[in-house]
C-alpha atoms as a PDB file:
ATOM      1  CA  MET A   1      39.255 -50.678 -12.661  1.00  0.00           C
ATOM      2  CA  ASN A   2      35.458 -50.268 -11.548  1.00  0.00           C
ATOM      3  CA  SER A   3      34.158 -50.559  -7.855  1.00  0.00           C
ATOM      4  CA  LYS A   4      30.706 -51.775  -9.984  1.00  0.00           C
ATOM      5  CA  THR A   5      29.802 -54.726  -7.274  1.00  0.00           C
ATOM      6  CA  ALA A   6      26.698 -54.094  -4.709  1.00  0.00           C
ATOM      7  CA  ARG A   7      26.166 -50.964  -3.340  1.00  0.00           C
ATOM      8  CA  GLU A   8      24.703 -51.345   0.588  1.00  0.00           C
ATOM      9  CA  ASP A   9      23.380 -48.386   2.201  1.00  0.00           C
ATOM     10  CA  VAL A  10      25.606 -45.683   3.952  1.00  0.00           C
ATOM     11  CA  VAL A  11      24.371 -42.544   6.360  1.00  0.00           C
ATOM     12  CA  LEU A  12      25.413 -39.092   4.592  1.00  0.00           C
ATOM     13  CA  TYR A  13      24.791 -36.092   6.966  1.00  0.00           C
ATOM     14  CA  GLY A  14      24.590 -32.638   6.859  1.00  0.00           C
ATOM     15  CA  ARG A  15      21.655 -30.203   5.225  1.00  0.00           C
ATOM     16  CA  ASN A  16      24.246 -28.937   2.151  1.00  0.00           C
ATOM     17  CA  ALA A  17      26.502 -32.428   1.233  1.00  0.00           C
ATOM     18  CA  VAL A  18      22.302 -34.291   1.575  1.00  0.00           C
ATOM     19  CA  LEU A  19      20.512 -30.991  -0.455  1.00  0.00           C
ATOM     20  CA  GLU A  20      23.598 -31.226  -3.160  1.00  0.00           C
ATOM     21  CA  TYR A  21      22.811 -35.402  -3.422  1.00  0.00           C
ATOM     22  CA  LEU A  22      19.248 -34.508  -4.176  1.00  0.00           C
ATOM     23  CA  LYS A  23      20.507 -32.319  -5.964  1.00  0.00           C
ATOM     24  CA  SER A  24      22.166 -35.189  -8.285  1.00  0.00           C
ATOM     25  CA  GLY A  25      19.483 -37.499  -9.628  1.00  0.00           C
ATOM     26  CA  GLU A  26      21.363 -39.369  -6.800  1.00  0.00           C
ATOM     27  CA  THR A  27      18.938 -42.197  -5.401  1.00  0.00           C
ATOM     28  CA  ILE A  28      18.212 -41.165  -2.101  1.00  0.00           C
ATOM     29  CA  LYS A  29      16.715 -44.118   0.209  1.00  0.00           C
ATOM     30  CA  LYS A  30      15.219 -42.020   2.738  1.00  0.00           C
ATOM     31  CA  VAL A  31      15.956 -38.502   4.836  1.00  0.00           C
ATOM     32  CA  LEU A  32      16.026 -37.631   8.281  1.00  0.00           C
ATOM     33  CA  LEU A  33      15.063 -34.438  10.466  1.00  0.00           C
ATOM     34  CA  GLU A  34      15.594 -32.612  13.404  1.00  0.00           C
ATOM     35  CA  THR A  35      12.269 -32.097  14.449  1.00  0.00           C
ATOM     36  CA  GLY A  36      11.317 -28.755  14.661  1.00  0.00           C
ATOM     37  CA  ARG A  37      13.954 -27.686  12.483  1.00  0.00           C
ATOM     38  CA  HIS A  38      14.489 -27.894   8.066  1.00  0.00           C
ATOM     39  CA  MET A  39      10.671 -27.793   7.712  1.00  0.00           C
ATOM     40  CA  ASP A  40      12.098 -26.118   4.436  1.00  0.00           C
ATOM     41  CA  MET A  41      13.315 -29.001   2.888  1.00  0.00           C
ATOM     42  CA  VAL A  42       9.459 -30.742   2.855  1.00  0.00           C
ATOM     43  CA  SER A  43       7.957 -29.211  -0.192  1.00  0.00           C
ATOM     44  CA  LEU A  44      11.228 -30.679  -1.389  1.00  0.00           C
ATOM     45  CA  LEU A  45      11.344 -33.872  -0.685  1.00  0.00           C
ATOM     46  CA  GLN A  46       8.207 -34.328  -1.218  1.00  0.00           C
ATOM     47  CA  THR A  47       8.522 -32.316  -5.372  1.00  0.00           C
ATOM     48  CA  HIS A  48      11.062 -35.287  -5.438  1.00  0.00           C
ATOM     49  CA  GLY A  49       9.812 -38.429  -4.565  1.00  0.00           C
ATOM     50  CA  VAL A  50      11.759 -38.353  -1.462  1.00  0.00           C
ATOM     51  CA  ALA A  51      10.754 -40.899   1.718  1.00  0.00           C
ATOM     52  CA  TYR A  52      11.296 -38.232   5.032  1.00  0.00           C
ATOM     53  CA  GLN A  53      10.235 -38.408   8.882  1.00  0.00           C
ATOM     54  CA  PHE A  54      11.947 -35.970  11.294  1.00  0.00           C
ATOM     55  CA  VAL A  55      13.236 -37.151  14.206  1.00  0.00           C
ATOM     56  CA  ASP A  56      14.809 -36.155  17.407  1.00  0.00           C
ATOM     57  CA  LYS A  57      18.216 -34.465  18.133  1.00  0.00           C
ATOM     58  CA  SER A  58      19.318 -37.768  20.084  1.00  0.00           C
ATOM     59  CA  ALA A  59      18.225 -40.623  17.395  1.00  0.00           C
ATOM     60  CA  LEU A  60      21.144 -38.253  14.868  1.00  0.00           C
ATOM     61  CA  ASN A  61      23.652 -38.125  17.990  1.00  0.00           C
ATOM     62  CA  ARG A  62      23.370 -41.941  17.785  1.00  0.00           C
ATOM     63  CA  LEU A  63      23.586 -42.260  14.137  1.00  0.00           C
ATOM     64  CA  CYS A  64      26.018 -39.597  12.608  1.00  0.00           C
ATOM     65  CA  ASP A  65      28.158 -38.778  16.281  1.00  0.00           C
ATOM     66  CA  GLY A  66      26.169 -35.498  16.663  1.00  0.00           C
ATOM     67  CA  ARG A  67      27.581 -33.995  13.209  1.00  0.00           C
ATOM     68  CA  HIS A  68      24.716 -33.514  11.356  1.00  0.00           C
ATOM     69  CA  GLN A  69      23.740 -29.844  10.961  1.00  0.00           C
ATOM     70  CA  GLY A  70      19.770 -31.497  11.333  1.00  0.00           C
ATOM     71  CA  VAL A  71      19.604 -33.146   8.741  1.00  0.00           C
ATOM     72  CA  ALA A  72      20.709 -37.499   7.767  1.00  0.00           C
ATOM     73  CA  ALA A  73      20.147 -39.335   4.668  1.00  0.00           C
ATOM     74  CA  TYR A  74      20.065 -43.031   3.553  1.00  0.00           C
ATOM     75  CA  VAL A  75      22.099 -43.230   0.648  1.00  0.00           C
ATOM     76  CA  GLU A  76      23.884 -45.857  -1.488  1.00  0.00           C
ATOM     77  CA  ALA A  77      27.155 -45.930  -0.969  1.00  0.00           C
ATOM     78  CA  PHE A  78      29.565 -43.997  -2.798  1.00  0.00           C
ATOM     79  CA  HIS A  79      29.271 -45.138  -7.203  1.00  0.00           C
ATOM     80  CA  TYR A  80      33.073 -45.417  -8.633  1.00  0.00           C
ATOM     81  CA  VAL A  81      33.714 -45.156 -12.526  1.00  0.00           C
ATOM     82  CA  ASP A  82      36.004 -45.971 -14.927  1.00  0.00           C
ATOM     83  CA  VAL A  83      39.312 -43.470 -16.091  1.00  0.00           C
ATOM     84  CA  ASP A  84      37.545 -43.962 -19.813  1.00  0.00           C
ATOM     85  CA  ASP A  85      34.580 -42.492 -17.855  1.00  0.00           C
ATOM     86  CA  ILE A  86      36.256 -39.585 -17.233  1.00  0.00           C
ATOM     87  CA  LEU A  87      37.111 -38.765 -20.730  1.00  0.00           C
ATOM     88  CA  ALA A  88      34.261 -39.417 -21.550  1.00  0.00           C
ATOM     89  CA  VAL A  89      32.634 -36.240 -19.720  1.00  0.00           C
ATOM     90  CA  ALA A  90      35.835 -34.325 -21.529  1.00  0.00           C
ATOM     91  CA  ARG A  91      34.538 -35.378 -25.041  1.00  0.00           C
ATOM     92  CA  THR A  92      31.107 -34.548 -24.324  1.00  0.00           C
ATOM     93  CA  ARG A  93      32.077 -30.942 -22.919  1.00  0.00           C
ATOM     94  CA  GLY A  94      33.890 -30.464 -25.716  1.00  0.00           C
ATOM     95  CA  GLU A  95      37.066 -30.209 -23.732  1.00  0.00           C
ATOM     96  CA  GLU A  96      40.717 -31.152 -23.288  1.00  0.00           C
ATOM     97  CA  PRO A  97      40.721 -33.546 -20.780  1.00  0.00           C
ATOM     98  CA  PHE A  98      41.513 -31.692 -17.257  1.00  0.00           C
ATOM     99  CA  ILE A  99      41.749 -34.985 -14.494  1.00  0.00           C
ATOM    100  CA  LEU A 100      42.823 -34.422 -11.223  1.00  0.00           C
ATOM    101  CA  ALA A 101      45.039 -37.894  -9.583  1.00  0.00           C
ATOM    102  CA  LEU A 102      45.939 -38.250  -6.096  1.00  0.00           C
ATOM    103  CA  ASP A 103      48.168 -40.569  -4.253  1.00  0.00           C
ATOM    104  CA  GLY A 104      47.746 -41.329  -1.035  1.00  0.00           C
ATOM    105  CA  VAL A 105      45.619 -39.104   0.326  1.00  0.00           C
ATOM    106  CA  GLU A 106      44.147 -40.100   3.819  1.00  0.00           C
ATOM    107  CA  ASP A 107      42.879 -36.830   5.458  1.00  0.00           C
ATOM    108  CA  PRO A 108      39.499 -37.429   3.991  1.00  0.00           C
ATOM    109  CA  HIS A 109      38.755 -33.716   4.840  1.00  0.00           C
ATOM    110  CA  ASN A 110      41.381 -32.591   2.390  1.00  0.00           C
ATOM    111  CA  LEU A 111      39.881 -35.440   0.145  1.00  0.00           C
ATOM    112  CA  GLY A 112      36.451 -33.266   0.967  1.00  0.00           C
ATOM    113  CA  ALA A 113      38.065 -30.353  -0.085  1.00  0.00           C
ATOM    114  CA  LEU A 114      40.230 -31.426  -3.154  1.00  0.00           C
ATOM    115  CA  LEU A 115      36.818 -32.486  -4.679  1.00  0.00           C
ATOM    116  CA  ARG A 116      34.368 -29.607  -4.047  1.00  0.00           C
ATOM    117  CA  THR A 117      37.134 -26.740  -4.915  1.00  0.00           C
ATOM    118  CA  ALA A 118      37.953 -29.762  -8.024  1.00  0.00           C
ATOM    119  CA  GLU A 119      34.099 -29.406  -9.267  1.00  0.00           C
ATOM    120  CA  ALA A 120      33.718 -25.931  -9.403  1.00  0.00           C
ATOM    121  CA  VAL A 121      36.424 -25.182 -10.962  1.00  0.00           C
ATOM    122  CA  GLY A 122      35.270 -28.035 -13.962  1.00  0.00           C
ATOM    123  CA  VAL A 123      37.498 -30.510 -13.043  1.00  0.00           C
ATOM    124  CA  HIS A 124      36.133 -33.746 -15.263  1.00  0.00           C
ATOM    125  CA  GLY A 125      37.088 -36.115 -12.688  1.00  0.00           C
ATOM    126  CA  VAL A 126      39.244 -37.735 -10.044  1.00  0.00           C
ATOM    127  CA  ILE A 127      41.298 -40.941  -9.296  1.00  0.00           C
ATOM    128  CA  ILE A 128      42.109 -42.170  -6.068  1.00  0.00           C
ATOM    129  CA  PRO A 129      44.247 -45.615  -5.279  1.00  0.00           C
ATOM    130  CA  ALA A 130      42.185 -48.237  -4.321  1.00  0.00           C
ATOM    131  CA  ARG A 131      44.469 -49.021  -1.253  1.00  0.00           C
ATOM    132  CA  ARG A 132      46.395 -47.088   1.714  1.00  0.00           C
ATOM    133  CA  SER A 133      44.464 -43.319   0.212  1.00  0.00           C
ATOM    134  CA  VAL A 134      41.236 -42.087   2.273  1.00  0.00           C
ATOM    135  CA  GLN A 135      37.672 -43.127  -0.134  1.00  0.00           C
ATOM    136  CA  VAL A 136      34.749 -40.584  -1.207  1.00  0.00           C
ATOM    137  CA  THR A 137      32.907 -41.673   2.606  1.00  0.00           C
ATOM    138  CA  PRO A 138      30.206 -40.250   4.138  1.00  0.00           C
ATOM    139  CA  ALA A 139      32.774 -38.044   6.231  1.00  0.00           C
ATOM    140  CA  VAL A 140      34.715 -36.253   2.356  1.00  0.00           C
ATOM    141  CA  VAL A 141      31.471 -35.867   0.684  1.00  0.00           C
ATOM    142  CA  LYS A 142      29.712 -33.573   3.904  1.00  0.00           C
ATOM    143  CA  VAL A 143      33.419 -31.919   3.478  1.00  0.00           C
ATOM    144  CA  SER A 144      32.444 -30.861   0.060  1.00  0.00           C
ATOM    145  CA  VAL A 145      29.730 -29.717   0.323  1.00  0.00           C
ATOM    146  CA  GLY A 146      27.859 -32.558  -2.279  1.00  0.00           C
ATOM    147  CA  ALA A 147      30.187 -31.482  -4.864  1.00  0.00           C
ATOM    148  CA  ALA A 148      30.994 -35.225  -4.690  1.00  0.00           C
ATOM    149  CA  ALA A 149      27.754 -36.528  -6.193  1.00  0.00           C
ATOM    150  CA  HIS A 150      28.555 -34.337  -9.892  1.00  0.00           C
ATOM    151  CA  LEU A 151      32.049 -35.424  -9.850  1.00  0.00           C
ATOM    152  CA  ALA A 152      33.011 -38.978 -11.840  1.00  0.00           C
ATOM    153  CA  VAL A 153      35.577 -40.937  -9.232  1.00  0.00           C
ATOM    154  CA  ALA A 154      37.356 -43.445 -10.493  1.00  0.00           C
ATOM    155  CA  ARG A 155      39.143 -45.200  -7.975  1.00  0.00           C
ATOM    156  CA  VAL A 156      42.092 -47.502  -9.436  1.00  0.00           C
ATOM    157  CA  THR A 157      44.506 -50.753  -8.569  1.00  0.00           C
ATOM    158  CA  ASN A 158      47.927 -49.420  -9.658  1.00  0.00           C
ATOM    159  CA  LEU A 159      48.024 -45.575 -10.064  1.00  0.00           C
ATOM    160  CA  VAL A 160      51.253 -45.818 -11.996  1.00  0.00           C
ATOM    161  CA  GLN A 161      50.241 -47.939 -14.934  1.00  0.00           C
ATOM    162  CA  SER A 162      46.299 -46.166 -14.496  1.00  0.00           C
ATOM    163  CA  LEU A 163      48.940 -42.605 -15.317  1.00  0.00           C
ATOM    164  CA  LYS A 164      50.449 -44.397 -18.305  1.00  0.00           C
ATOM    165  CA  ASN A 165      47.563 -45.654 -20.003  1.00  0.00           C
ATOM    166  CA  LEU A 166      46.209 -41.401 -19.771  1.00  0.00           C
ATOM    167  CA  GLN A 167      49.996 -40.508 -20.931  1.00  0.00           C
ATOM    168  CA  ASN A 168      49.232 -43.144 -24.056  1.00  0.00           C
ATOM    169  CA  GLN A 169      45.943 -41.447 -24.727  1.00  0.00           C
ATOM    170  CA  GLY A 170      48.155 -38.208 -25.294  1.00  0.00           C
ATOM    171  CA  CYS A 171      47.796 -36.393 -21.940  1.00  0.00           C
ATOM    172  CA  TRP A 172      50.700 -34.921 -19.781  1.00  0.00           C
ATOM    173  CA  ILE A 173      51.205 -36.003 -16.397  1.00  0.00           C
ATOM    174  CA  TRP A 174      51.817 -32.741 -14.149  1.00  0.00           C
ATOM    175  CA  GLY A 175      53.342 -34.245 -10.980  1.00  0.00           C
ATOM    176  CA  ALA A 176      53.274 -31.414  -8.044  1.00  0.00           C
ATOM    177  CA  ASP A 177      56.315 -31.150  -5.616  1.00  0.00           C
ATOM    178  CA  MET A 178      58.775 -28.646  -4.142  1.00  0.00           C
ATOM    179  CA  ASP A 179      61.987 -27.783  -6.786  1.00  0.00           C
ATOM    180  CA  GLY A 180      59.854 -28.042  -9.801  1.00  0.00           C
ATOM    181  CA  LEU A 181      59.287 -25.719 -12.700  1.00  0.00           C
ATOM    182  CA  ASP A 182      57.670 -22.310 -11.723  1.00  0.00           C
ATOM    183  CA  VAL A 183      54.412 -23.415 -12.457  1.00  0.00           C
ATOM    184  CA  ARG A 184      53.794 -19.874 -13.865  1.00  0.00           C
ATOM    185  CA  LYS A 185      56.372 -21.236 -16.642  1.00  0.00           C
ATOM    186  CA  ALA A 186      54.195 -24.561 -16.343  1.00  0.00           C
ATOM    187  CA  ASP A 187      51.739 -24.780 -20.545  1.00  0.00           C
ATOM    188  CA  LEU A 188      48.803 -25.394 -18.175  1.00  0.00           C
ATOM    189  CA  THR A 189      45.770 -25.615 -21.771  1.00  0.00           C
ATOM    190  CA  GLY A 190      46.533 -29.104 -23.517  1.00  0.00           C
ATOM    191  CA  ALA A 191      44.845 -32.129 -22.564  1.00  0.00           C
ATOM    192  CA  LEU A 192      46.084 -32.000 -18.470  1.00  0.00           C
ATOM    193  CA  VAL A 193      46.411 -34.554 -15.402  1.00  0.00           C
ATOM    194  CA  TRP A 194      47.586 -32.643 -11.670  1.00  0.00           C
ATOM    195  CA  VAL A 195      49.018 -35.437  -9.709  1.00  0.00           C
ATOM    196  CA  LEU A 196      49.055 -34.774  -5.880  1.00  0.00           C
ATOM    197  CA  GLY A 197      50.871 -36.372  -3.088  1.00  0.00           C
ATOM    198  CA  GLY A 198      49.832 -37.718   0.292  1.00  0.00           C
ATOM    199  CA  GLU A 199      49.934 -35.497   2.833  1.00  0.00           C
ATOM    200  CA  GLY A 200      53.659 -34.903   4.580  1.00  0.00           C
ATOM    201  CA  LYS A 201      55.202 -37.808   1.862  1.00  0.00           C
ATOM    202  CA  GLY A 202      54.444 -36.230  -0.875  1.00  0.00           C
ATOM    203  CA  LEU A 203      54.425 -38.251  -4.255  1.00  0.00           C
ATOM    204  CA  SER A 204      55.729 -41.490  -4.331  1.00  0.00           C
ATOM    205  CA  ARG A 205      59.117 -42.388  -6.130  1.00  0.00           C
ATOM    206  CA  LEU A 206      57.695 -44.457  -8.969  1.00  0.00           C
ATOM    207  CA  ILE A 207      54.283 -41.876  -9.123  1.00  0.00           C
ATOM    208  CA  ARG A 208      57.443 -39.377 -10.166  1.00  0.00           C
ATOM    209  CA  GLU A 209      59.223 -40.877 -12.458  1.00  0.00           C
ATOM    210  CA  THR A 210      55.312 -41.293 -14.328  1.00  0.00           C
ATOM    211  CA  CYS A 211      55.242 -37.387 -14.729  1.00  0.00           C
ATOM    212  CA  ASP A 212      56.222 -35.605 -17.923  1.00  0.00           C
ATOM    213  CA  GLN A 213      56.862 -33.151 -15.260  1.00  0.00           C
ATOM    214  CA  ILE A 214      57.044 -31.854 -11.886  1.00  0.00           C
ATOM    215  CA  VAL A 215      55.733 -28.317 -10.752  1.00  0.00           C
ATOM    216  CA  SER A 216      55.840 -26.305  -8.248  1.00  0.00           C
ATOM    217  CA  LEU A 217      54.715 -23.406  -6.819  1.00  0.00           C
ATOM    218  CA  PRO A 218      56.306 -20.229  -5.956  1.00  0.00           C
ATOM    219  CA  MET A 219      56.886 -19.444  -2.142  1.00  0.00           C
ATOM    220  CA  ARG A 220      57.943 -16.318  -0.709  1.00  0.00           C
ATOM    221  CA  GLY A 221      57.785 -16.310   3.449  1.00  0.00           C
ATOM    222  CA  LYS A 222      59.064 -18.794   5.706  1.00  0.00           C
ATOM    223  CA  THR A 223      56.406 -21.803   5.364  1.00  0.00           C
ATOM    224  CA  GLY A 224      58.289 -24.813   3.121  1.00  0.00           C
ATOM    225  CA  SER A 225      54.844 -26.411   2.137  1.00  0.00           C
ATOM    226  CA  LEU A 226      51.630 -25.858   1.793  1.00  0.00           C
ATOM    227  CA  ASN A 227      48.366 -28.679   3.030  1.00  0.00           C
ATOM    228  CA  VAL A 228      48.143 -31.056  -0.309  1.00  0.00           C
ATOM    229  CA  SER A 229      44.815 -29.401  -0.736  1.00  0.00           C
ATOM    230  CA  VAL A 230      45.151 -25.566   0.066  1.00  0.00           C
ATOM    231  CA  ALA A 231      48.241 -26.396  -2.789  1.00  0.00           C
ATOM    232  CA  GLY A 232      45.535 -28.599  -5.258  1.00  0.00           C
ATOM    233  CA  GLY A 233      43.425 -25.651  -5.043  1.00  0.00           C
ATOM    234  CA  VAL A 234      45.954 -22.689  -6.028  1.00  0.00           C
ATOM    235  CA  LEU A 235      46.743 -25.204  -9.262  1.00  0.00           C
ATOM    236  CA  LEU A 236      44.044 -25.989  -9.628  1.00  0.00           C
ATOM    237  CA  TYR A 237      42.417 -23.050 -10.083  1.00  0.00           C
ATOM    238  CA  GLU A 238      45.394 -22.053 -11.870  1.00  0.00           C
ATOM    239  CA  THR A 239      44.968 -24.523 -14.528  1.00  0.00           C
ATOM    240  CA  PHE A 240      41.192 -23.553 -14.356  1.00  0.00           C
ATOM    241  CA  LEU A 241      42.270 -19.521 -15.295  1.00  0.00           C
ATOM    242  CA  ARG A 242      44.429 -20.153 -18.240  1.00  0.00           C
ATOM    243  CA  ARG A 243      42.084 -21.741 -20.457  1.00  0.00           C
ATOM    244  CA  ILE A 244      38.423 -20.122 -20.118  1.00  0.00           C
ATOM    245  CA  PRO A 245      37.546 -17.833 -22.721  1.00  0.00           C
ATOM    246  CA  GLU A 246      39.049 -13.927 -22.159  1.00  0.00           C
END
């Protein structure tokens, strides 16, 4: 499913998030700057032809619930792509697909952190369900420090079917969960999709059954599990390190 419907304006907030959005080439309708702050951004906005306005801090507080760092922007709602578009990114780079899929992640901070790590290690795209999952909201973009603007994200109605379609196109589906194959023994060099489960729930039964292999992180301490964004970050970096040239 590709959600290419009319895109309404939303408010993006946070200095770094707005700057990364500006670098991405996405459309910014107008930037609001707190009076007396961020004067260094003015020339950059002028260079990019982006309208801006200085406003009182109280106005930004009302608009962004006080979490703005003195900067906010009116932007179009996040643009989702098709899964095929993610595969096209891999082909354009001449690389084997490296994809992250999320099964019911509901916390905006976890999604934002995962998007930031995924973009940093060269993931070609991220797949999220259209239901029972957090979407790419301005809060998520802020947590990702704007990385979401540089990353292809597909929103699908049936994650199981999407994973099966990727299998049919030569991708291995690796599910991250407890009691799986030690990640140190897993081959992470081919066309690969990591699937992470939601907070506290892990992978759903159907997703788990769809995976080619369940993989786990070895742990030594008494903690039974890791936060999904932390576990995902470790797995994505482990995959990245295995795939980069010596």
